[in-house]
Amino acid sequence: LAADPTARFAVGERVECRWVPPKSYRRKTPRERLRQQPERWAAGRVTQVRPPKRVGPDAMLPAYQVLLCDGLFEYVRHDHDAFIRRDEAWESALAQAAERAAGEGAEGLCLD
């Protein structure tokens, strides 16, 4: 498969996506949900761009499939910063680890 030129993220990139609570949380009233679950972002890695699975009540095709760090898959409906963003914390930690490794002369250090 060719890469989608309109997608902001490629397969394998570290991202954060807005977390959608499991269905068991959705049985509460909207006010209870807001009190219980503030906006949360979950870190993960893009596994598919424009996956063929349809999601949501309108059965739209999602922009991305993301494997979250807890092992669950999340389908991101829109390629927009309100739904998915680059994992800046990971990139910062990766850069710091690379600097430390370069200063120590470490060889073969796996930073992934």
Foldseek 3Di string as FASTA:
>chain_A
DDDDPVAPDDFFAKKKFWDDDPVVLVVDDPVVSCVVDPTDIFIFTWHDAQDPFFDDPVRHTAGTWTQTPVRDIDGFRDRDPNTMDHPVVLVVVLVVVVVVCVVVVDPPDDSD
